[in-house]
Amino acid sequence: MRLEERYDKVLAWFRERMPVANTELQYNDPFQLLVAVILSAQCTDKRVNMVTPALFEQLPDAESMSKASVEEIFELIKSISYPNNKSKHLSAMAKKLMEDFNGIVPDDFELLQTLPGVGRKTANVMEAVAFKRPAMPVDTHVFRVADRIGLVTGAKTPLETEKQLVAHIPAEWLSTAHHWLILHGRYVCVARKPKCEECGIAEWCKYNQKKLS
């Protein structure tokens, strides 16, 4: 199967069945989304959503979080993976927002990456979800699923995966496609044993075609 045909079939399937797809993280504004995304690194969205209500009740914005100690933040997020590092990142991130951006999360991709705890993937999530711009954040699900399906070839890093996906997915669907791949990886194309028998795109999937041959 030609690469273009695989993209056409897979994207058409998702467009028909999931024209609207959103993050499963719970938040009320860009700052809270940024906090949730930082917390979600190597942690499930489900776990993050169990922690953020109490966190946002006490520290709902950059100003309040910047005034909290690292220890106070740690106590609120200690059930999350890597709470020591993440509490330090959140504290430093909130302080920088107050010092440099008047407490407002910048909507610029490069400026976002100047914030502590914010790398390319997190900046892309903010662009796609908070600011509704075409972007393809590549997390572990996207990295795995895009390779398995055969949407990318020989990508060794998240950036290589991102570049190939951006080159083939129309800009107007890019951010939604990010959610398609995440949700597909979370519930169907799971890491250890993909559920190929119940997968709607199995007939166009490179992994499934190899398995059947």
N, C-alpha and C. Protein backbone atom coordinates (compact mmCIF):
# COMPACT_ATOMS: atom_id res chain seq x y z
N MET A 1 0.84 -1.20 0.00
CA MET A 1 0.00 0.00 0.00
C MET A 1 0.87 1.25 0.00
N ARG A 2 0.56 2.18 -0.88
CA ARG A 2 1.29 3.44 -0.94
C ARG A 2 1.03 4.26 0.32
N LEU A 3 2.03 5.02 0.72
CA LEU A 3 1.93 5.83 1.94
C LEU A 3 0.75 6.80 1.87
N GLU A 4 0.59 7.46 0.71
CA GLU A 4 -0.50 8.43 0.56
C GLU A 4 -1.86 7.77 0.72
N GLU A 5 -1.98 6.55 0.19
CA GLU A 5 -3.24 5.83 0.31
C GLU A 5 -3.52 5.47 1.77
N ARG A 6 -2.48 5.05 2.49
CA ARG A 6 -2.65 4.71 3.91
C ARG A 6 -3.12 5.93 4.69
N TYR A 7 -2.49 7.07 4.47
CA TYR A 7 -2.93 8.30 5.14
C TYR A 7 -4.38 8.61 4.79
N ASP A 8 -4.73 8.54 3.52
CA ASP A 8 -6.10 8.86 3.09
C ASP A 8 -7.12 7.97 3.79
N LYS A 9 -6.86 6.68 3.82
CA LYS A 9 -7.81 5.73 4.40
C LYS A 9 -7.94 5.92 5.91
N VAL A 10 -6.80 6.02 6.58
CA VAL A 10 -6.80 6.14 8.04
C VAL A 10 -7.44 7.45 8.48
N LEU A 11 -7.06 8.55 7.86
CA LEU A 11 -7.63 9.85 8.24
C LEU A 11 -9.12 9.91 7.93
N ALA A 12 -9.54 9.34 6.81
CA ALA A 12 -10.96 9.33 6.46
C ALA A 12 -11.77 8.55 7.49
N TRP A 13 -11.21 7.44 7.96
CA TRP A 13 -11.91 6.62 8.96
C TRP A 13 -12.12 7.41 10.26
N PHE A 14 -11.07 8.07 10.70
CA PHE A 14 -11.18 8.86 11.94
C PHE A 14 -12.10 10.07 11.75
N ARG A 15 -12.00 10.74 10.60
CA ARG A 15 -12.85 11.92 10.36
C ARG A 15 -14.32 11.55 10.43
N GLU A 16 -14.66 10.38 9.90
CA GLU A 16 -16.06 9.95 9.87
C GLU A 16 -16.55 9.57 11.26
N ARG A 17 -15.70 8.91 12.04
CA ARG A 17 -16.15 8.37 13.32
C ARG A 17 -15.81 9.24 14.53
N MET A 18 -14.85 10.14 14.38
CA MET A 18 -14.45 10.98 15.51
C MET A 18 -14.10 12.39 15.01
N PRO A 19 -15.08 13.08 14.42
CA PRO A 19 -14.77 14.40 13.87
C PRO A 19 -14.33 15.41 14.92
N VAL A 20 -14.74 15.18 16.17
CA VAL A 20 -14.29 16.03 17.28
C VAL A 20 -13.53 15.15 18.26
N ALA A 21 -12.32 15.53 18.57
CA ALA A 21 -11.50 14.78 19.54
C ALA A 21 -10.73 15.78 20.39
N ASN A 22 -10.79 15.59 21.70
CA ASN A 22 -10.17 16.53 22.62
C ASN A 22 -9.30 15.83 23.64
N THR A 23 -8.50 16.62 24.33
CA THR A 23 -7.69 16.08 25.42
C THR A 23 -8.59 15.56 26.53
N GLU A 24 -8.12 14.54 27.25
CA GLU A 24 -8.85 14.03 28.40
C GLU A 24 -8.43 14.72 29.70
N LEU A 25 -7.43 15.58 29.60
CA LEU A 25 -7.03 16.36 30.78
C LEU A 25 -8.11 17.39 31.10
N GLN A 26 -8.34 17.61 32.38
CA GLN A 26 -9.37 18.56 32.82
C GLN A 26 -8.71 19.87 33.24
N TYR A 27 -9.22 20.98 32.73
CA TYR A 27 -8.62 22.29 33.00
C TYR A 27 -9.65 23.38 32.70
N ASN A 28 -9.36 24.59 33.18
CA ASN A 28 -10.28 25.70 32.97
C ASN A 28 -9.70 26.83 32.12
N ASP A 29 -8.38 26.87 31.98
CA ASP A 29 -7.74 27.95 31.23
C ASP A 29 -6.34 27.49 30.81
N PRO A 30 -5.64 28.29 30.00
CA PRO A 30 -4.32 27.87 29.53
C PRO A 30 -3.33 27.55 30.64
N PHE A 31 -3.36 28.32 31.73
CA PHE A 31 -2.43 28.03 32.82
C PHE A 31 -2.68 26.65 33.41
N GLN A 32 -3.93 26.33 33.66
CA GLN A 32 -4.25 25.03 34.24
C GLN A 32 -3.95 23.90 33.26
N LEU A 33 -4.15 24.13 31.99
CA LEU A 33 -3.77 23.11 31.01
C LEU A 33 -2.27 22.89 31.03
N LEU A 34 -1.50 23.97 31.09
CA LEU A 34 -0.04 23.86 31.11
C LEU A 34 0.41 23.06 32.33
N VAL A 35 -0.17 23.34 33.47
CA VAL A 35 0.16 22.59 34.68
C VAL A 35 -0.16 21.11 34.49
N ALA A 36 -1.36 20.82 33.96
CA ALA A 36 -1.79 19.43 33.76
C ALA A 36 -0.88 18.70 32.79
N VAL A 37 -0.45 19.37 31.73
CA VAL A 37 0.42 18.72 30.74
C VAL A 37 1.79 18.43 31.35
N ILE A 38 2.32 19.36 32.13
CA ILE A 38 3.59 19.12 32.82
C ILE A 38 3.46 17.92 33.75
N LEU A 39 2.36 17.82 34.47
CA LEU A 39 2.13 16.71 35.38
C LEU A 39 1.95 15.39 34.64
N SER A 40 1.46 15.45 33.40
CA SER A 40 1.12 14.22 32.67
C SER A 40 2.33 13.50 32.08
N ALA A 41 3.51 14.11 32.14
CA ALA A 41 4.71 13.46 31.61
C ALA A 41 4.94 12.14 32.35
N GLN A 42 4.97 11.04 31.60
CA GLN A 42 5.17 9.70 32.17
C GLN A 42 4.17 9.39 33.27
N CYS A 43 2.96 9.89 33.08
CA CYS A 43 1.88 9.66 34.03
C CYS A 43 0.57 9.65 33.25
N THR A 44 -0.42 8.91 33.71
CA THR A 44 -1.69 8.84 32.98
C THR A 44 -2.53 10.09 33.20
N ASP A 45 -3.32 10.43 32.19
CA ASP A 45 -4.25 11.56 32.33
C ASP A 45 -5.24 11.29 33.46
N LYS A 46 -5.62 10.04 33.64
CA LYS A 46 -6.56 9.67 34.70
C LYS A 46 -6.00 10.04 36.06
N ARG A 47 -4.75 9.72 36.29
CA ARG A 47 -4.12 10.06 37.56
C ARG A 47 -4.00 11.57 37.73
N VAL A 48 -3.61 12.27 36.66
CA VAL A 48 -3.50 13.73 36.72
C VAL A 48 -4.85 14.35 37.09
N ASN A 49 -5.92 13.85 36.49
CA ASN A 49 -7.25 14.40 36.76
C ASN A 49 -7.72 14.10 38.18
N MET A 50 -7.12 13.13 38.85
CA MET A 50 -7.44 12.87 40.25
C MET A 50 -6.76 13.88 41.17
N VAL A 51 -5.65 14.45 40.69
CA VAL A 51 -4.83 15.34 41.53
C VAL A 51 -5.17 16.82 41.32
N THR A 52 -5.48 17.19 40.08
CA THR A 52 -5.60 18.62 39.76
C THR A 52 -6.78 19.35 40.44
N PRO A 53 -7.93 18.71 40.73
CA PRO A 53 -8.99 19.49 41.39
C PRO A 53 -8.54 20.13 42.70
N ALA A 54 -7.88 19.36 43.57
CA ALA A 54 -7.40 19.92 44.84
C ALA A 54 -6.26 20.91 44.61
N LEU A 55 -5.41 20.60 43.63
CA LEU A 55 -4.30 21.51 43.31
C LEU A 55 -4.84 22.86 42.84
N PHE A 56 -5.79 22.84 41.91
CA PHE A 56 -6.32 24.09 41.35
C PHE A 56 -7.23 24.83 42.33
N GLU A 57 -7.78 24.11 43.29
CA GLU A 57 -8.59 24.79 44.31
C GLU A 57 -7.71 25.69 45.18
N GLN A 58 -6.50 25.21 45.46
CA GLN A 58 -5.58 25.99 46.30
C GLN A 58 -4.70 26.92 45.49
N LEU A 59 -4.28 26.45 44.30
CA LEU A 59 -3.34 27.22 43.47
C LEU A 59 -3.89 27.30 42.05
N PRO A 60 -4.90 28.14 41.82
CA PRO A 60 -5.60 28.14 40.53
C PRO A 60 -4.90 28.89 39.42
N ASP A 61 -3.90 29.72 39.76
CA ASP A 61 -3.29 30.57 38.74
C ASP A 61 -1.81 30.75 39.01
N ALA A 62 -1.16 31.44 38.08
CA ALA A 62 0.29 31.62 38.19
C ALA A 62 0.67 32.40 39.44
N GLU A 63 -0.13 33.39 39.79
CA GLU A 63 0.21 34.21 40.96
C GLU A 63 0.21 33.37 42.24
N SER A 64 -0.85 32.61 42.45
CA SER A 64 -0.92 31.80 43.68
C SER A 64 0.14 30.71 43.69
N MET A 65 0.40 30.09 42.55
CA MET A 65 1.41 29.03 42.52
C MET A 65 2.81 29.59 42.70
N SER A 66 3.04 30.79 42.19
CA SER A 66 4.38 31.39 42.34
C SER A 66 4.69 31.72 43.79
N LYS A 67 3.66 31.93 44.59
CA LYS A 67 3.85 32.27 46.00
C LYS A 67 3.94 31.03 46.89
N ALA A 68 3.53 29.87 46.36
CA ALA A 68 3.59 28.63 47.13
C ALA A 68 5.02 28.09 47.15
N SER A 69 5.37 27.41 48.22
CA SER A 69 6.70 26.80 48.29
C SER A 69 6.71 25.50 47.47
N VAL A 70 7.89 25.07 47.11
CA VAL A 70 8.02 23.80 46.38
C VAL A 70 7.44 22.67 47.23
N GLU A 71 7.65 22.75 48.54
CA GLU A 71 7.14 21.72 49.45
C GLU A 71 5.61 21.69 49.45
N GLU A 72 4.99 22.85 49.41
CA GLU A 72 3.52 22.91 49.37
C GLU A 72 2.98 22.29 48.08
N ILE A 73 3.62 22.61 46.96
CA ILE A 73 3.21 22.04 45.67
C ILE A 73 3.42 20.53 45.69
N PHE A 74 4.55 20.10 46.23
CA PHE A 74 4.84 18.66 46.31
C PHE A 74 3.73 17.91 47.05
N GLU A 75 3.28 18.45 48.17
CA GLU A 75 2.24 17.79 48.96
C GLU A 75 0.95 17.61 48.17
N LEU A 76 0.70 18.53 47.25
CA LEU A 76 -0.53 18.48 46.46
C LEU A 76 -0.42 17.54 45.25
N ILE A 77 0.81 17.24 44.83
CA ILE A 77 0.98 16.41 43.62
C ILE A 77 1.76 15.13 43.90
N LYS A 78 1.95 14.76 45.16
CA LYS A 78 2.88 13.68 45.50
C LYS A 78 2.46 12.30 44.98
N SER A 79 1.20 12.14 44.59
CA SER A 79 0.79 10.84 44.03
C SER A 79 1.07 10.73 42.53
N ILE A 80 1.57 11.82 41.94
CA ILE A 80 1.96 11.84 40.52
C ILE A 80 3.37 11.29 40.39
N SER A 81 3.69 10.73 39.24
CA SER A 81 5.07 10.27 39.00
C SER A 81 6.05 11.45 39.03
N TYR A 82 7.23 11.22 39.57
CA TYR A 82 8.31 12.21 39.67
C TYR A 82 7.85 13.53 40.32
N PRO A 83 7.23 13.47 41.50
CA PRO A 83 6.70 14.69 42.12
C PRO A 83 7.78 15.69 42.53
N ASN A 84 8.98 15.20 42.86
CA ASN A 84 10.05 16.13 43.25
C ASN A 84 10.40 17.08 42.11
N ASN A 85 10.71 16.50 40.95
CA ASN A 85 11.07 17.34 39.81
C ASN A 85 9.90 18.20 39.35
N LYS A 86 8.71 17.62 39.33
CA LYS A 86 7.55 18.36 38.81
C LYS A 86 7.15 19.51 39.72
N SER A 87 7.29 19.34 41.03
CA SER A 87 6.96 20.44 41.94
C SER A 87 7.94 21.59 41.75
N LYS A 88 9.21 21.26 41.51
CA LYS A 88 10.21 22.31 41.24
C LYS A 88 9.91 23.02 39.91
N HIS A 89 9.55 22.23 38.89
CA HIS A 89 9.23 22.82 37.59
C HIS A 89 8.02 23.74 37.68
N LEU A 90 6.98 23.29 38.38
CA LEU A 90 5.76 24.11 38.49
C LEU A 90 6.04 25.41 39.23
N SER A 91 6.81 25.33 40.29
CA SER A 91 7.15 26.54 41.04
C SER A 91 7.93 27.53 40.18
N ALA A 92 8.96 27.03 39.49
CA ALA A 92 9.79 27.90 38.65
C ALA A 92 9.00 28.42 37.45
N MET A 93 8.15 27.58 36.89
CA MET A 93 7.33 27.99 35.75
C MET A 93 6.39 29.13 36.15
N ALA A 94 5.73 29.00 37.29
CA ALA A 94 4.79 30.03 37.75
C ALA A 94 5.53 31.34 38.04
N LYS A 95 6.70 31.22 38.64
CA LYS A 95 7.49 32.43 38.95
C LYS A 95 7.90 33.16 37.65
N LYS A 96 8.32 32.39 36.64
CA LYS A 96 8.74 33.01 35.39
C LYS A 96 7.54 33.65 34.68
N LEU A 97 6.38 33.00 34.76
CA LEU A 97 5.18 33.60 34.16
C LEU A 97 4.89 34.95 34.80
N MET A 98 5.02 35.03 36.11
CA MET A 98 4.76 36.29 36.81
C MET A 98 5.81 37.34 36.47
N GLU A 99 7.07 36.92 36.42
CA GLU A 99 8.16 37.88 36.20
C GLU A 99 8.22 38.39 34.76
N ASP A 100 8.00 37.49 33.81
CA ASP A 100 8.23 37.83 32.40
C ASP A 100 6.97 38.02 31.57
N PHE A 101 5.83 37.45 32.03
CA PHE A 101 4.64 37.45 31.18
C PHE A 101 3.37 37.91 31.90
N ASN A 102 3.55 38.63 33.00
CA ASN A 102 2.40 39.15 33.76
C ASN A 102 1.40 38.06 34.15
N GLY A 103 1.92 36.86 34.36
CA GLY A 103 1.07 35.77 34.80
C GLY A 103 0.27 35.10 33.70
N ILE A 104 0.48 35.53 32.46
CA ILE A 104 -0.27 34.99 31.32
C ILE A 104 0.60 34.01 30.54
N VAL A 105 0.05 32.86 30.22
CA VAL A 105 0.78 31.87 29.43
C VAL A 105 0.97 32.40 28.01
N PRO A 106 2.20 32.53 27.52
CA PRO A 106 2.40 33.06 26.17
C PRO A 106 1.88 32.08 25.12
N ASP A 107 1.36 32.64 24.03
CA ASP A 107 0.85 31.77 22.95
C ASP A 107 1.86 31.58 21.84
N ASP A 108 3.11 31.90 22.12
CA ASP A 108 4.19 31.76 21.14
C ASP A 108 4.97 30.47 21.41
N PHE A 109 5.17 29.67 20.37
CA PHE A 109 5.81 28.35 20.51
C PHE A 109 7.19 28.45 21.13
N GLU A 110 8.00 29.40 20.69
CA GLU A 110 9.36 29.53 21.21
C GLU A 110 9.36 30.05 22.64
N LEU A 111 8.50 31.02 22.93
CA LEU A 111 8.44 31.57 24.29
C LEU A 111 7.96 30.52 25.29
N LEU A 112 7.03 29.67 24.86
CA LEU A 112 6.56 28.61 25.74
C LEU A 112 7.72 27.74 26.22
N GLN A 113 8.66 27.48 25.32
CA GLN A 113 9.78 26.59 25.65
C GLN A 113 10.82 27.25 26.55
N THR A 114 10.65 28.55 26.84
CA THR A 114 11.54 29.20 27.81
C THR A 114 11.06 28.95 29.24
N LEU A 115 9.87 28.39 29.39
CA LEU A 115 9.32 28.13 30.72
C LEU A 115 9.90 26.84 31.29
N PRO A 116 10.27 26.82 32.56
CA PRO A 116 10.78 25.58 33.18
C PRO A 116 9.76 24.45 33.06
N GLY A 117 10.27 23.27 32.70
CA GLY A 117 9.39 22.11 32.58
C GLY A 117 8.67 22.00 31.25
N VAL A 118 8.90 22.95 30.35
CA VAL A 118 8.19 22.95 29.07
C VAL A 118 9.17 22.66 27.93
N GLY A 119 8.99 21.52 27.29
CA GLY A 119 9.77 21.16 26.11
C GLY A 119 8.92 21.27 24.86
N ARG A 120 9.42 20.72 23.79
CA ARG A 120 8.74 20.84 22.50
C ARG A 120 7.35 20.21 22.51
N LYS A 121 7.24 19.01 23.11
CA LYS A 121 5.94 18.33 23.12
C LYS A 121 4.90 19.15 23.88
N THR A 122 5.27 19.63 25.07
CA THR A 122 4.33 20.42 25.87
C THR A 122 3.95 21.71 25.17
N ALA A 123 4.92 22.36 24.53
CA ALA A 123 4.62 23.59 23.78
C ALA A 123 3.66 23.30 22.64
N ASN A 124 3.85 22.17 21.98
CA ASN A 124 2.95 21.77 20.90
C ASN A 124 1.54 21.49 21.42
N VAL A 125 1.44 20.86 22.59
CA VAL A 125 0.12 20.63 23.18
C VAL A 125 -0.58 21.96 23.44
N MET A 126 0.14 22.92 23.98
CA MET A 126 -0.46 24.23 24.25
C MET A 126 -0.92 24.89 22.95
N GLU A 127 -0.10 24.80 21.92
CA GLU A 127 -0.48 25.38 20.63
C GLU A 127 -1.75 24.72 20.09
N ALA A 128 -1.79 23.40 20.17
CA ALA A 128 -2.91 22.65 19.59
C ALA A 128 -4.19 22.79 20.40
N VAL A 129 -4.07 22.65 21.72
CA VAL A 129 -5.25 22.55 22.58
C VAL A 129 -5.69 23.91 23.10
N ALA A 130 -4.77 24.67 23.69
CA ALA A 130 -5.14 25.95 24.29
C ALA A 130 -5.37 27.04 23.25
N PHE A 131 -4.53 27.05 22.20
CA PHE A 131 -4.56 28.15 21.26
C PHE A 131 -5.10 27.78 19.87
N LYS A 132 -5.56 26.52 19.75
CA LYS A 132 -6.28 26.06 18.55
C LYS A 132 -5.49 26.29 17.26
N ARG A 133 -4.20 25.97 17.31
CA ARG A 133 -3.36 26.12 16.12
C ARG A 133 -2.92 24.75 15.62
N PRO A 134 -2.62 24.63 14.33
CA PRO A 134 -2.15 23.34 13.81
C PRO A 134 -0.82 22.95 14.48
N ALA A 135 -0.82 21.80 15.13
CA ALA A 135 0.40 21.32 15.79
C ALA A 135 0.27 19.82 15.99
N MET A 136 1.40 19.13 16.08
CA MET A 136 1.40 17.69 16.26
C MET A 136 2.32 17.32 17.44
N PRO A 137 1.80 17.40 18.65
CA PRO A 137 2.60 16.95 19.79
C PRO A 137 2.80 15.43 19.70
N VAL A 138 4.02 14.99 19.94
CA VAL A 138 4.32 13.55 19.85
C VAL A 138 4.68 13.02 21.23
N ASP A 139 3.74 12.29 21.83
CA ASP A 139 4.02 11.61 23.09
C ASP A 139 4.29 10.14 22.80
N THR A 140 4.34 9.31 23.83
CA THR A 140 4.67 7.90 23.61
C THR A 140 3.62 7.19 22.76
N HIS A 141 2.34 7.56 22.94
CA HIS A 141 1.28 6.93 22.16
C HIS A 141 1.42 7.28 20.68
N VAL A 142 1.56 8.56 20.38
CA VAL A 142 1.68 9.00 18.99
C VAL A 142 2.92 8.38 18.34
N PHE A 143 4.02 8.38 19.07
CA PHE A 143 5.28 7.82 18.55
C PHE A 143 5.10 6.35 18.18
N ARG A 144 4.45 5.59 19.07
CA ARG A 144 4.25 4.16 18.83
C ARG A 144 3.24 3.89 17.74
N VAL A 145 2.10 4.54 17.82
CA VAL A 145 0.99 4.25 16.91
C VAL A 145 1.31 4.67 15.48
N ALA A 146 1.91 5.83 15.30
CA ALA A 146 2.24 6.29 13.96
C ALA A 146 3.20 5.33 13.27
N ASP A 147 4.12 4.78 14.04
CA ASP A 147 5.08 3.81 13.48
C ASP A 147 4.39 2.48 13.18
N ARG A 148 3.57 2.00 14.11
CA ARG A 148 2.89 0.72 13.91
C ARG A 148 1.98 0.75 12.68
N ILE A 149 1.19 1.80 12.58
CA ILE A 149 0.26 1.90 11.45
C ILE A 149 1.02 1.97 10.13
N GLY A 150 2.18 2.62 10.19
CA GLY A 150 2.97 2.81 8.97
C GLY A 150 2.83 4.21 8.42
N LEU A 151 2.42 5.15 9.28
CA LEU A 151 2.32 6.55 8.85
C LEU A 151 3.68 7.21 8.80
N VAL A 152 4.63 6.68 9.56
CA VAL A 152 6.00 7.19 9.52
C VAL A 152 6.95 6.04 9.22
N THR A 153 8.10 6.38 8.69
CA THR A 153 9.09 5.36 8.30
C THR A 153 10.44 5.72 8.89
N GLY A 154 10.97 4.82 9.70
CA GLY A 154 12.33 4.98 10.21
C GLY A 154 12.53 6.13 11.17
N ALA A 155 11.46 6.63 11.77
CA ALA A 155 11.59 7.74 12.72
C ALA A 155 12.17 7.23 14.03
N LYS A 156 13.29 7.79 14.42
CA LYS A 156 13.96 7.34 15.64
C LYS A 156 13.67 8.26 16.83
N THR A 157 13.17 9.44 16.57
CA THR A 157 12.91 10.41 17.64
C THR A 157 11.51 11.00 17.48
N PRO A 158 10.95 11.57 18.56
CA PRO A 158 9.65 12.24 18.44
C PRO A 158 9.66 13.36 17.39
N LEU A 159 10.76 14.08 17.28
CA LEU A 159 10.82 15.16 16.29
C LEU A 159 10.73 14.62 14.87
N GLU A 160 11.40 13.51 14.59
CA GLU A 160 11.32 12.90 13.26
C GLU A 160 9.89 12.45 12.97
N THR A 161 9.24 11.87 13.98
CA THR A 161 7.85 11.47 13.82
C THR A 161 6.97 12.68 13.55
N GLU A 162 7.15 13.73 14.32
CA GLU A 162 6.37 14.97 14.16
C GLU A 162 6.52 15.51 12.74
N LYS A 163 7.74 15.58 12.24
CA LYS A 163 7.99 16.15 10.91
C LYS A 163 7.29 15.36 9.81
N GLN A 164 7.33 14.01 9.93
CA GLN A 164 6.68 13.19 8.90
C GLN A 164 5.16 13.34 8.95
N LEU A 165 4.59 13.37 10.15
CA LEU A 165 3.14 13.52 10.27
C LEU A 165 2.69 14.89 9.77
N VAL A 166 3.42 15.92 10.13
CA VAL A 166 3.07 17.28 9.69
C VAL A 166 3.13 17.40 8.17
N ALA A 167 4.05 16.67 7.55
CA ALA A 167 4.21 16.73 6.10
C ALA A 167 3.05 16.07 5.36
N HIS A 168 2.33 15.17 6.02
CA HIS A 168 1.30 14.40 5.31
C HIS A 168 -0.14 14.67 5.77
N ILE A 169 -0.31 15.28 6.92
CA ILE A 169 -1.66 15.53 7.43
C ILE A 169 -2.04 16.98 7.16
N PRO A 170 -3.19 17.23 6.54
CA PRO A 170 -3.61 18.61 6.27
C PRO A 170 -3.65 19.44 7.55
N ALA A 171 -3.23 20.68 7.46
CA ALA A 171 -3.11 21.55 8.64
C ALA A 171 -4.41 21.63 9.43
N GLU A 172 -5.55 21.66 8.71
CA GLU A 172 -6.82 21.83 9.42
C GLU A 172 -7.20 20.62 10.27
N TRP A 173 -6.55 19.49 10.01
CA TRP A 173 -6.84 18.27 10.79
C TRP A 173 -5.71 17.87 11.72
N LEU A 174 -4.63 18.62 11.69
CA LEU A 174 -3.41 18.20 12.39
C LEU A 174 -3.62 18.03 13.89
N SER A 175 -4.18 19.04 14.54
CA SER A 175 -4.36 18.97 16.00
C SER A 175 -5.36 17.89 16.39
N THR A 176 -6.42 17.73 15.60
CA THR A 176 -7.39 16.67 15.87
C THR A 176 -6.75 15.30 15.67
N ALA A 177 -5.92 15.18 14.63
CA ALA A 177 -5.24 13.91 14.37
C ALA A 177 -4.32 13.52 15.52
N HIS A 178 -3.75 14.50 16.16
CA HIS A 178 -2.94 14.24 17.37
C HIS A 178 -3.78 13.50 18.41
N HIS A 179 -5.00 13.97 18.63
CA HIS A 179 -5.89 13.30 19.61
C HIS A 179 -6.33 11.93 19.11
N TRP A 180 -6.57 11.81 17.81
CA TRP A 180 -6.94 10.49 17.26
C TRP A 180 -5.87 9.45 17.59
N LEU A 181 -4.62 9.81 17.34
CA LEU A 181 -3.53 8.86 17.55
C LEU A 181 -3.34 8.55 19.03
N ILE A 182 -3.47 9.57 19.87
CA ILE A 182 -3.36 9.34 21.32
C ILE A 182 -4.44 8.40 21.81
N LEU A 183 -5.69 8.71 21.47
CA LEU A 183 -6.81 7.91 21.96
C LEU A 183 -6.76 6.49 21.40
N HIS A 184 -6.33 6.37 20.14
CA HIS A 184 -6.20 5.04 19.54
C HIS A 184 -5.14 4.24 20.27
N GLY A 185 -4.03 4.89 20.61
CA GLY A 185 -2.96 4.21 21.34
C GLY A 185 -3.33 3.89 22.78
N ARG A 186 -4.19 4.71 23.35
CA ARG A 186 -4.57 4.51 24.76
C ARG A 186 -5.58 3.38 24.92
N TYR A 187 -6.47 3.21 23.93
CA TYR A 187 -7.58 2.27 24.11
C TYR A 187 -7.60 1.09 23.14
N VAL A 188 -6.95 1.20 21.99
CA VAL A 188 -6.99 0.12 21.00
C VAL A 188 -5.58 -0.39 20.68
N CYS A 189 -4.75 0.49 20.18
CA CYS A 189 -3.39 0.08 19.78
C CYS A 189 -2.45 0.19 21.00
N VAL A 190 -2.80 -0.57 22.03
CA VAL A 190 -2.07 -0.49 23.30
C VAL A 190 -0.67 -1.07 23.15
N ALA A 191 0.20 -0.71 24.08
CA ALA A 191 1.63 -0.99 23.91
C ALA A 191 1.94 -2.48 23.83
N ARG A 192 1.48 -3.25 24.79
CA ARG A 192 1.93 -4.64 24.87
C ARG A 192 1.21 -5.57 23.92
N LYS A 193 -0.09 -5.40 23.80
CA LYS A 193 -0.85 -6.30 22.94
C LYS A 193 -1.96 -5.51 22.24
N PRO A 194 -1.67 -4.95 21.06
CA PRO A 194 -2.68 -4.16 20.36
C PRO A 194 -3.91 -4.99 20.03
N LYS A 195 -5.08 -4.36 20.14
CA LYS A 195 -6.35 -5.06 19.94
C LYS A 195 -6.75 -5.01 18.47
N CYS A 196 -5.95 -5.67 17.64
CA CYS A 196 -6.13 -5.61 16.18
C CYS A 196 -7.50 -6.14 15.75
N GLU A 197 -8.03 -7.11 16.49
CA GLU A 197 -9.31 -7.71 16.11
C GLU A 197 -10.48 -6.74 16.25
N GLU A 198 -10.32 -5.69 17.04
CA GLU A 198 -11.40 -4.71 17.18
C GLU A 198 -11.00 -3.33 16.64
N CYS A 199 -9.93 -3.30 15.87
CA CYS A 199 -9.42 -2.03 15.33
C CYS A 199 -10.07 -1.71 13.99
N GLY A 200 -10.63 -0.52 13.89
CA GLY A 200 -11.32 -0.12 12.66
C GLY A 200 -10.40 0.20 11.50
N ILE A 201 -9.12 0.42 11.78
CA ILE A 201 -8.18 0.75 10.70
C ILE A 201 -7.21 -0.39 10.42
N ALA A 202 -7.52 -1.59 10.93
CA ALA A 202 -6.60 -2.72 10.81
C ALA A 202 -6.25 -3.05 9.36
N GLU A 203 -7.20 -2.90 8.44
CA GLU A 203 -6.94 -3.30 7.05
C GLU A 203 -5.90 -2.41 6.37
N TRP A 204 -5.66 -1.23 6.92
CA TRP A 204 -4.66 -0.33 6.32
C TRP A 204 -3.41 -0.22 7.18
N CYS A 205 -3.35 -1.01 8.25
CA CYS A 205 -2.25 -0.92 9.21
C CYS A 205 -1.09 -1.82 8.81
N LYS A 206 0.08 -1.24 8.74
CA LYS A 206 1.28 -1.99 8.34
C LYS A 206 1.57 -3.13 9.32
N TYR A 207 1.42 -2.88 10.61
CA TYR A 207 1.67 -3.90 11.63
C TYR A 207 0.72 -5.08 11.45
N ASN A 208 -0.56 -4.80 11.24
CA ASN A 208 -1.55 -5.86 11.09
C ASN A 208 -1.34 -6.63 9.78
N GLN A 209 -0.96 -5.91 8.73
CA GLN A 209 -0.71 -6.58 7.45
C GLN A 209 0.46 -7.55 7.55
N LYS A 210 1.51 -7.15 8.29
CA LYS A 210 2.67 -8.04 8.50
C LYS A 210 2.26 -9.26 9.31
N LYS A 211 1.41 -9.03 10.30
CA LYS A 211 0.99 -10.12 11.18
C LYS A 211 0.20 -11.17 10.42
N LEU A 212 -0.57 -10.71 9.43
CA LEU A 212 -1.43 -11.63 8.66
C LEU A 212 -0.70 -12.30 7.50
N SER A 213 0.43 -11.74 7.10
CA SER A 213 1.13 -12.29 5.92
C SER A 213 1.93 -13.53 6.25
